[in-house]
C-alpha cells in the first residue's frame, strides 16, 4: 500500500490489510508445499511420509525458508537411503529370479548341449530313427 492510502486508514484497518497479505502469502506457501508433497509421494511411494513430516528438523528447515521438498529430503535422508537400498535389492532379486528361470545357452555351462545321452544304449527308438534320418541327409553324428 502507498503511504497516501495508508495514512487514511485507522490502525485496525492497517492491521487487517497486513493480516490479509500475510494470509495470502501463507496460502501460496501451503499450495507450493502441497504440490511438493505430491512430488515426494511419487518419488518415494513406499516411504512413510507421515512420519517424515513430523520430524523437528523439517520444521526448522521450513522456518529457515527452505522449500518443502528439499527440507523433507534433508530431514529424512537416512530413511530415503534405506528406502532406495530396499528398492534396489527388490529389483536385483527380481532380475536374478527372471534369469534363473530361463533356458541356458550352450557354451555357458560345461555340460554340453544335452541333446542325447552318452552311448547308443541310452537312446530310445525315436532317437535312433531321428539319427538315421539325419545321417541319410549327410550329417555326421558322433556318440
N, C-alpha and C. Protein backbone atom coordinates (compact mmCIF):
# COMPACT_ATOMS: atom_id res chain seq x y z
N UNK A 1 0.83 -1.18 0.00
CA UNK A 1 0.00 0.00 0.00
C UNK A 1 0.87 1.24 0.00
N UNK A 2 0.39 2.26 -0.63
CA UNK A 2 1.15 3.51 -0.66
C UNK A 2 0.94 4.25 0.64
N UNK A 3 1.82 5.20 0.91
CA UNK A 3 1.73 5.97 2.14
C UNK A 3 0.47 6.82 2.17
N UNK A 4 0.02 7.33 1.01
CA UNK A 4 -1.18 8.16 0.99
C UNK A 4 -2.41 7.33 1.34
N UNK A 5 -2.46 6.09 0.86
CA UNK A 5 -3.58 5.22 1.19
C UNK A 5 -3.48 4.78 2.63
N UNK A 6 -2.27 4.49 3.07
CA UNK A 6 -2.01 4.03 4.42
C UNK A 6 -2.35 5.11 5.44
N UNK A 7 -2.13 6.38 5.10
CA UNK A 7 -2.37 7.47 6.03
C UNK A 7 -3.85 7.64 6.32
N UNK A 8 -4.72 7.32 5.36
CA UNK A 8 -6.15 7.48 5.56
C UNK A 8 -6.79 6.33 6.31
N UNK A 9 -6.01 5.32 6.65
CA UNK A 9 -6.56 4.14 7.32
C UNK A 9 -6.34 4.23 8.83
N UNK A 10 -7.23 3.62 9.57
CA UNK A 10 -7.05 3.54 11.01
C UNK A 10 -6.07 2.41 11.31
N UNK A 11 -5.63 2.32 12.53
CA UNK A 11 -4.69 1.28 12.94
C UNK A 11 -5.26 -0.11 12.73
N UNK A 12 -6.54 -0.28 13.02
CA UNK A 12 -7.19 -1.57 12.85
C UNK A 12 -7.27 -1.95 11.39
N UNK A 13 -7.56 -0.99 10.55
CA UNK A 13 -7.64 -1.27 9.10
C UNK A 13 -6.28 -1.68 8.57
N UNK A 14 -5.23 -0.97 9.05
CA UNK A 14 -3.86 -1.31 8.61
C UNK A 14 -3.50 -2.73 9.03
N UNK A 15 -3.81 -3.07 10.26
CA UNK A 15 -3.51 -4.42 10.76
C UNK A 15 -4.29 -5.46 9.96
N UNK A 16 -5.52 -5.16 9.61
CA UNK A 16 -6.33 -6.07 8.81
C UNK A 16 -5.74 -6.27 7.43
N UNK A 17 -5.24 -5.20 6.81
CA UNK A 17 -4.64 -5.30 5.49
C UNK A 17 -3.35 -6.12 5.55
N UNK A 18 -2.56 -5.90 6.59
CA UNK A 18 -1.32 -6.66 6.75
C UNK A 18 -1.62 -8.14 6.97
N UNK A 19 -2.65 -8.40 7.78
CA UNK A 19 -3.03 -9.77 8.05
C UNK A 19 -3.52 -10.46 6.77
N UNK A 20 -4.28 -9.75 5.95
CA UNK A 20 -4.74 -10.30 4.68
C UNK A 20 -3.56 -10.65 3.78
N UNK A 21 -2.58 -9.76 3.72
CA UNK A 21 -1.38 -10.03 2.92
C UNK A 21 -0.62 -11.22 3.44
N UNK A 22 -0.53 -11.34 4.77
CA UNK A 22 0.17 -12.47 5.38
C UNK A 22 -0.56 -13.78 5.10
N UNK A 23 -1.88 -13.73 5.17
CA UNK A 23 -2.68 -14.94 4.90
C UNK A 23 -2.55 -15.37 3.45
N UNK A 24 -2.52 -14.41 2.55
CA UNK A 24 -2.36 -14.74 1.12
C UNK A 24 -1.00 -15.38 0.88
N UNK A 25 0.03 -14.85 1.52
CA UNK A 25 1.37 -15.43 1.38
C UNK A 25 1.40 -16.84 1.96
N UNK A 26 0.74 -17.04 3.11
CA UNK A 26 0.70 -18.36 3.73
C UNK A 26 -0.05 -19.35 2.84
N UNK A 27 -1.14 -18.88 2.23
CA UNK A 27 -1.89 -19.75 1.32
C UNK A 27 -1.03 -20.16 0.13
N UNK A 28 -0.24 -19.22 -0.38
CA UNK A 28 0.65 -19.52 -1.50
C UNK A 28 1.71 -20.55 -1.13
N UNK A 29 2.28 -20.39 0.08
CA UNK A 29 3.29 -21.35 0.56
C UNK A 29 2.65 -22.72 0.76
N UNK A 30 1.45 -22.74 1.31
CA UNK A 30 0.76 -24.01 1.56
C UNK A 30 0.49 -24.73 0.24
N UNK A 31 0.11 -24.00 -0.79
CA UNK A 31 -0.13 -24.61 -2.10
C UNK A 31 1.16 -25.18 -2.68
N UNK A 32 2.27 -24.43 -2.52
CA UNK A 32 3.57 -24.92 -3.01
C UNK A 32 3.97 -26.18 -2.25
N UNK A 33 3.80 -26.15 -0.94
CA UNK A 33 4.17 -27.31 -0.13
C UNK A 33 3.34 -28.53 -0.51
N UNK A 34 2.06 -28.31 -0.76
CA UNK A 34 1.18 -29.41 -1.15
C UNK A 34 1.64 -30.03 -2.47
N UNK A 35 2.01 -29.17 -3.43
CA UNK A 35 2.49 -29.67 -4.73
C UNK A 35 3.80 -30.44 -4.56
N UNK A 36 4.68 -29.93 -3.71
CA UNK A 36 5.95 -30.61 -3.48
C UNK A 36 5.75 -31.92 -2.71
N UNK A 37 4.76 -31.94 -1.81
CA UNK A 37 4.43 -33.18 -1.10
C UNK A 37 3.96 -34.25 -2.08
N UNK A 38 3.18 -33.86 -3.07
CA UNK A 38 2.74 -34.81 -4.08
C UNK A 38 3.91 -35.34 -4.90
N UNK A 39 4.91 -34.48 -5.19
CA UNK A 39 6.12 -34.94 -5.88
C UNK A 39 6.85 -35.98 -5.04
N UNK A 40 6.94 -35.72 -3.74
CA UNK A 40 7.63 -36.65 -2.83
C UNK A 40 6.90 -38.00 -2.82
N UNK A 41 5.58 -37.97 -2.79
CA UNK A 41 4.80 -39.21 -2.78
C UNK A 41 5.03 -40.02 -4.05
N UNK A 42 5.24 -39.33 -5.18
CA UNK A 42 5.52 -40.02 -6.44
C UNK A 42 6.94 -40.59 -6.43
N UNK A 43 7.89 -39.81 -5.93
CA UNK A 43 9.29 -40.24 -5.91
C UNK A 43 9.53 -41.41 -4.95
N UNK A 44 8.88 -41.39 -3.80
CA UNK A 44 9.11 -42.39 -2.76
C UNK A 44 7.78 -43.02 -2.35
N UNK A 45 7.16 -43.85 -3.21
CA UNK A 45 5.82 -44.36 -2.92
C UNK A 45 5.74 -45.26 -1.69
N UNK A 46 6.80 -45.93 -1.31
CA UNK A 46 6.74 -46.84 -0.16
C UNK A 46 7.23 -46.22 1.13
N UNK A 47 7.64 -44.98 1.10
CA UNK A 47 8.19 -44.30 2.27
C UNK A 47 7.06 -43.82 3.18
N UNK A 48 7.27 -43.90 4.49
CA UNK A 48 6.27 -43.42 5.46
C UNK A 48 6.38 -41.90 5.54
N UNK A 49 5.62 -41.24 4.72
CA UNK A 49 5.72 -39.78 4.60
C UNK A 49 5.15 -39.09 5.84
N UNK A 50 4.11 -39.66 6.43
CA UNK A 50 3.52 -39.03 7.62
C UNK A 50 4.55 -38.94 8.76
N UNK A 51 5.34 -40.00 8.93
CA UNK A 51 6.36 -39.98 9.97
C UNK A 51 7.43 -38.94 9.64
N UNK A 52 7.75 -38.81 8.37
CA UNK A 52 8.77 -37.84 7.96
C UNK A 52 8.35 -36.40 8.14
N UNK A 53 7.06 -36.14 8.01
CA UNK A 53 6.57 -34.77 8.15
C UNK A 53 6.65 -34.30 9.60
N UNK A 54 6.56 -35.21 10.54
CA UNK A 54 6.57 -34.83 11.96
C UNK A 54 7.93 -34.56 12.55
N UNK A 55 8.98 -34.68 11.78
CA UNK A 55 10.33 -34.51 12.33
C UNK A 55 10.63 -33.02 12.61
N UNK A 56 11.25 -32.75 13.75
CA UNK A 56 11.57 -31.35 14.09
C UNK A 56 12.55 -30.70 13.11
N UNK A 57 13.46 -31.49 12.52
CA UNK A 57 14.41 -30.93 11.56
C UNK A 57 13.68 -30.33 10.37
N UNK A 58 12.60 -30.97 9.94
CA UNK A 58 11.81 -30.47 8.81
C UNK A 58 11.23 -29.11 9.15
N UNK A 59 10.66 -28.99 10.32
CA UNK A 59 10.06 -27.72 10.75
C UNK A 59 11.11 -26.61 10.81
N UNK A 60 12.30 -26.94 11.31
CA UNK A 60 13.37 -25.94 11.40
C UNK A 60 13.79 -25.46 10.01
N UNK A 61 13.92 -26.39 9.09
CA UNK A 61 14.33 -26.03 7.72
C UNK A 61 13.24 -25.19 7.03
N UNK A 62 11.99 -25.53 7.26
CA UNK A 62 10.90 -24.76 6.65
C UNK A 62 10.87 -23.34 7.22
N UNK A 63 11.10 -23.19 8.53
CA UNK A 63 11.14 -21.86 9.14
C UNK A 63 12.29 -21.04 8.58
N UNK A 64 13.36 -21.73 8.19
CA UNK A 64 14.54 -21.04 7.64
C UNK A 64 14.33 -20.66 6.18
N UNK A 65 13.20 -21.07 5.58
CA UNK A 65 12.89 -20.68 4.21
C UNK A 65 13.26 -21.69 3.14
N UNK A 66 13.65 -22.91 3.54
CA UNK A 66 14.00 -23.95 2.58
C UNK A 66 12.70 -24.50 1.99
N UNK A 67 12.70 -24.79 0.67
CA UNK A 67 11.48 -25.32 0.06
C UNK A 67 11.17 -26.69 0.66
N UNK A 68 9.89 -27.07 0.59
CA UNK A 68 9.39 -28.25 1.30
C UNK A 68 10.09 -29.53 0.86
N UNK A 69 10.24 -29.75 -0.44
CA UNK A 69 10.83 -31.00 -0.95
C UNK A 69 12.26 -31.15 -0.45
N UNK A 70 13.05 -30.09 -0.57
CA UNK A 70 14.45 -30.14 -0.12
C UNK A 70 14.52 -30.35 1.39
N UNK A 71 13.66 -29.64 2.13
CA UNK A 71 13.65 -29.78 3.59
C UNK A 71 13.26 -31.21 3.99
N UNK A 72 12.26 -31.77 3.32
CA UNK A 72 11.83 -33.13 3.62
C UNK A 72 12.96 -34.11 3.36
N UNK A 73 13.61 -33.99 2.20
CA UNK A 73 14.69 -34.92 1.86
C UNK A 73 15.87 -34.78 2.82
N UNK A 74 16.20 -33.55 3.23
CA UNK A 74 17.31 -33.35 4.17
C UNK A 74 16.97 -33.92 5.55
N UNK A 75 15.74 -33.72 6.01
CA UNK A 75 15.35 -34.20 7.33
C UNK A 75 15.17 -35.72 7.37
N UNK A 76 14.94 -36.32 6.22
CA UNK A 76 14.65 -37.76 6.17
C UNK A 76 15.68 -38.52 5.34
N UNK A 77 16.89 -38.02 5.23
CA UNK A 77 17.89 -38.60 4.33
C UNK A 77 18.18 -40.07 4.68
N UNK A 78 18.24 -40.41 5.94
CA UNK A 78 18.53 -41.80 6.33
C UNK A 78 17.40 -42.73 5.90
N UNK A 79 16.16 -42.30 6.10
CA UNK A 79 15.01 -43.11 5.68
C UNK A 79 14.98 -43.27 4.17
N UNK A 80 15.32 -42.20 3.45
CA UNK A 80 15.32 -42.24 1.99
C UNK A 80 16.41 -43.18 1.48
N UNK A 81 17.59 -43.14 2.12
CA UNK A 81 18.67 -44.06 1.73
C UNK A 81 18.25 -45.51 1.96
N UNK A 82 17.63 -45.78 3.09
CA UNK A 82 17.19 -47.15 3.39
C UNK A 82 16.12 -47.59 2.39
N UNK A 83 15.23 -46.69 2.05
CA UNK A 83 14.17 -46.98 1.07
C UNK A 83 14.78 -47.28 -0.30
N UNK A 84 15.75 -46.47 -0.71
CA UNK A 84 16.40 -46.67 -2.02
C UNK A 84 17.15 -48.00 -2.05
N UNK A 85 17.82 -48.34 -0.96
CA UNK A 85 18.55 -49.62 -0.90
C UNK A 85 17.57 -50.79 -0.97
N UNK A 86 16.44 -50.68 -0.30
CA UNK A 86 15.44 -51.74 -0.33
C UNK A 86 14.87 -51.90 -1.74
N UNK A 87 14.61 -50.80 -2.43
CA UNK A 87 14.08 -50.87 -3.79
C UNK A 87 15.10 -51.49 -4.74
N UNK A 88 16.37 -51.12 -4.58
CA UNK A 88 17.43 -51.69 -5.43
C UNK A 88 17.55 -53.20 -5.20
N UNK A 89 17.45 -53.60 -3.94
CA UNK A 89 17.54 -55.03 -3.61
C UNK A 89 16.37 -55.79 -4.24
N UNK A 90 15.17 -55.23 -4.17
CA UNK A 90 14.00 -55.88 -4.77
C UNK A 90 14.17 -56.04 -6.27
N UNK A 91 14.67 -54.99 -6.95
CA UNK A 91 14.89 -55.07 -8.40
C UNK A 91 15.94 -56.11 -8.73
N UNK A 92 17.00 -56.18 -7.95
CA UNK A 92 18.07 -57.16 -8.19
C UNK A 92 17.54 -58.58 -8.02
N UNK A 93 16.80 -58.83 -6.95
CA UNK A 93 16.24 -60.16 -6.71
C UNK A 93 15.29 -60.55 -7.84
N UNK A 94 14.48 -59.61 -8.27
CA UNK A 94 13.54 -59.88 -9.36
C UNK A 94 14.28 -60.25 -10.64
N UNK A 95 15.33 -59.48 -10.96
CA UNK A 95 16.13 -59.77 -12.17
C UNK A 95 16.80 -61.13 -12.09
N UNK A 96 17.36 -61.45 -10.93
CA UNK A 96 18.03 -62.74 -10.77
C UNK A 96 17.04 -63.90 -10.90
N UNK A 97 15.85 -63.73 -10.36
CA UNK A 97 14.84 -64.77 -10.47
C UNK A 97 14.38 -64.95 -11.92
N UNK A 98 14.26 -63.85 -12.65
CA UNK A 98 13.88 -63.94 -14.06
C UNK A 98 14.93 -64.70 -14.87
N UNK A 99 16.17 -64.39 -14.60
CA UNK A 99 17.26 -65.03 -15.36
C UNK A 99 17.44 -66.49 -14.97
N UNK A 100 17.17 -66.83 -13.72
CA UNK A 100 17.36 -68.22 -13.27
C UNK A 100 16.35 -69.14 -13.92
N UNK A 101 15.20 -68.63 -14.29
CA UNK A 101 14.16 -69.47 -14.88
C UNK A 101 14.33 -69.68 -16.37
N UNK A 102 15.23 -68.98 -16.99
CA UNK A 102 15.40 -69.08 -18.44
C UNK A 102 16.19 -70.29 -18.86
N UNK A 103 16.17 -70.57 -20.16
CA UNK A 103 16.91 -71.69 -20.72
C UNK A 103 18.38 -71.29 -20.82
N UNK A 104 19.25 -72.19 -20.42
CA UNK A 104 20.68 -71.92 -20.51
C UNK A 104 21.15 -72.17 -21.93
N UNK A 105 22.01 -71.31 -22.39
CA UNK A 105 22.54 -71.45 -23.74
C UNK A 105 23.73 -72.40 -23.72
N UNK A 106 23.98 -73.04 -24.86
CA UNK A 106 25.16 -73.88 -24.98
C UNK A 106 26.39 -72.99 -24.85
N UNK A 107 27.37 -73.50 -24.22
CA UNK A 107 28.61 -72.74 -24.05
C UNK A 107 28.67 -72.04 -22.71
N UNK A 108 27.54 -71.85 -22.05
CA UNK A 108 27.55 -71.21 -20.73
C UNK A 108 27.98 -72.22 -19.68
N UNK A 109 27.48 -73.44 -19.81
CA UNK A 109 27.84 -74.45 -18.83
C UNK A 109 28.77 -75.47 -19.48
N UNK A 110 29.42 -76.26 -18.66
CA UNK A 110 30.37 -77.26 -19.17
C UNK A 110 29.69 -78.57 -19.53
N UNK A 111 28.38 -78.64 -19.42
CA UNK A 111 27.70 -79.91 -19.64
C UNK A 111 27.41 -80.21 -21.10
N UNK A 112 27.66 -79.29 -22.01
CA UNK A 112 27.40 -79.55 -23.42
C UNK A 112 25.95 -79.28 -23.78
N UNK A 113 25.56 -79.73 -24.96
CA UNK A 113 24.22 -79.42 -25.45
C UNK A 113 23.14 -80.26 -24.79
N UNK A 114 23.47 -81.42 -24.32
CA UNK A 114 22.49 -82.26 -23.65
C UNK A 114 21.44 -82.84 -24.57
N UNK A 115 21.76 -82.97 -25.86
CA UNK A 115 20.78 -83.47 -26.82
C UNK A 115 20.50 -84.95 -26.67
N UNK A 116 21.53 -85.76 -26.44
CA UNK A 116 21.36 -87.21 -26.35
C UNK A 116 22.18 -87.73 -25.18
N UNK A 117 21.74 -88.84 -24.61
CA UNK A 117 22.53 -89.44 -23.53
C UNK A 117 23.82 -90.04 -24.11
N UNK A 118 24.81 -90.25 -23.26
CA UNK A 118 26.08 -90.81 -23.71
C UNK A 118 25.90 -92.28 -24.10
N UNK A 119 26.35 -92.64 -25.30
CA UNK A 119 26.29 -94.03 -25.76
C UNK A 119 24.97 -94.36 -26.41
N UNK A 120 25.01 -95.35 -27.31
CA UNK A 120 23.83 -95.75 -28.06
C UNK A 120 22.83 -96.52 -27.21
N UNK A 121 23.30 -97.12 -26.11
CA UNK A 121 22.40 -97.93 -25.29
C UNK A 121 21.32 -97.09 -24.60
N UNK A 122 21.56 -95.80 -24.43
CA UNK A 122 20.58 -94.95 -23.75
C UNK A 122 19.59 -94.31 -24.69
N UNK A 123 19.68 -94.58 -25.99
CA UNK A 123 18.79 -93.96 -26.97
C UNK A 123 17.48 -94.72 -27.11
N UNK A 124 16.42 -93.95 -27.25
CA UNK A 124 15.11 -94.57 -27.49
C UNK A 124 14.98 -94.89 -28.98
N UNK A 125 13.92 -95.61 -29.36
CA UNK A 125 13.69 -95.94 -30.77
C UNK A 125 13.52 -94.66 -31.59
N UNK A 126 12.80 -93.67 -31.06
CA UNK A 126 12.60 -92.39 -31.76
C UNK A 126 13.93 -91.67 -31.97
N UNK A 127 14.79 -91.70 -30.93
CA UNK A 127 16.10 -91.06 -31.04
C UNK A 127 16.92 -91.72 -32.15
N UNK A 128 16.92 -93.06 -32.19
CA UNK A 128 17.68 -93.79 -33.21
C UNK A 128 17.16 -93.48 -34.60
N UNK A 129 15.83 -93.42 -34.77
CA UNK A 129 15.26 -93.10 -36.08
C UNK A 129 15.62 -91.67 -36.50
N UNK A 130 15.63 -90.77 -35.55
CA UNK A 130 16.00 -89.37 -35.83
C UNK A 130 17.46 -89.30 -36.29
N UNK A 131 18.33 -90.05 -35.64
CA UNK A 131 19.75 -90.06 -36.02
C UNK A 131 19.91 -90.63 -37.42
N UNK A 132 19.19 -91.71 -37.73
CA UNK A 132 19.28 -92.33 -39.07
C UNK A 132 18.86 -91.32 -40.12
N UNK A 133 17.75 -90.61 -39.90
CA UNK A 133 17.29 -89.58 -40.87
C UNK A 133 18.35 -88.52 -41.08
N UNK A 134 18.98 -88.07 -39.98
CA UNK A 134 19.99 -87.02 -40.08
C UNK A 134 21.23 -87.51 -40.84
N UNK A 135 21.61 -88.79 -40.61
CA UNK A 135 22.76 -89.37 -41.32
C UNK A 135 22.46 -89.48 -42.81
N UNK A 136 21.24 -89.90 -43.15
CA UNK A 136 20.84 -90.03 -44.55
C UNK A 136 20.90 -88.68 -45.28
N UNK A 137 20.69 -87.58 -44.51
CA UNK A 137 20.76 -86.23 -45.10
C UNK A 137 22.20 -85.75 -45.22
N UNK A 138 23.15 -86.52 -44.67
CA UNK A 138 24.55 -86.16 -44.81
C UNK A 138 25.19 -85.61 -43.54
N UNK A 139 24.47 -85.55 -42.47
CA UNK A 139 25.03 -85.03 -41.22
C UNK A 139 25.92 -86.07 -40.56
N UNK A 140 27.00 -85.63 -39.94
CA UNK A 140 27.89 -86.54 -39.23
C UNK A 140 27.50 -86.55 -37.76
N UNK A 141 27.21 -87.70 -37.22
CA UNK A 141 26.77 -87.85 -35.84
C UNK A 141 27.88 -88.54 -35.05
N UNK A 142 28.19 -88.03 -33.89
CA UNK A 142 29.18 -88.67 -33.01
C UNK A 142 28.52 -88.97 -31.68
N UNK A 143 28.69 -90.18 -31.22
CA UNK A 143 28.11 -90.59 -29.95
C UNK A 143 29.20 -90.76 -28.90
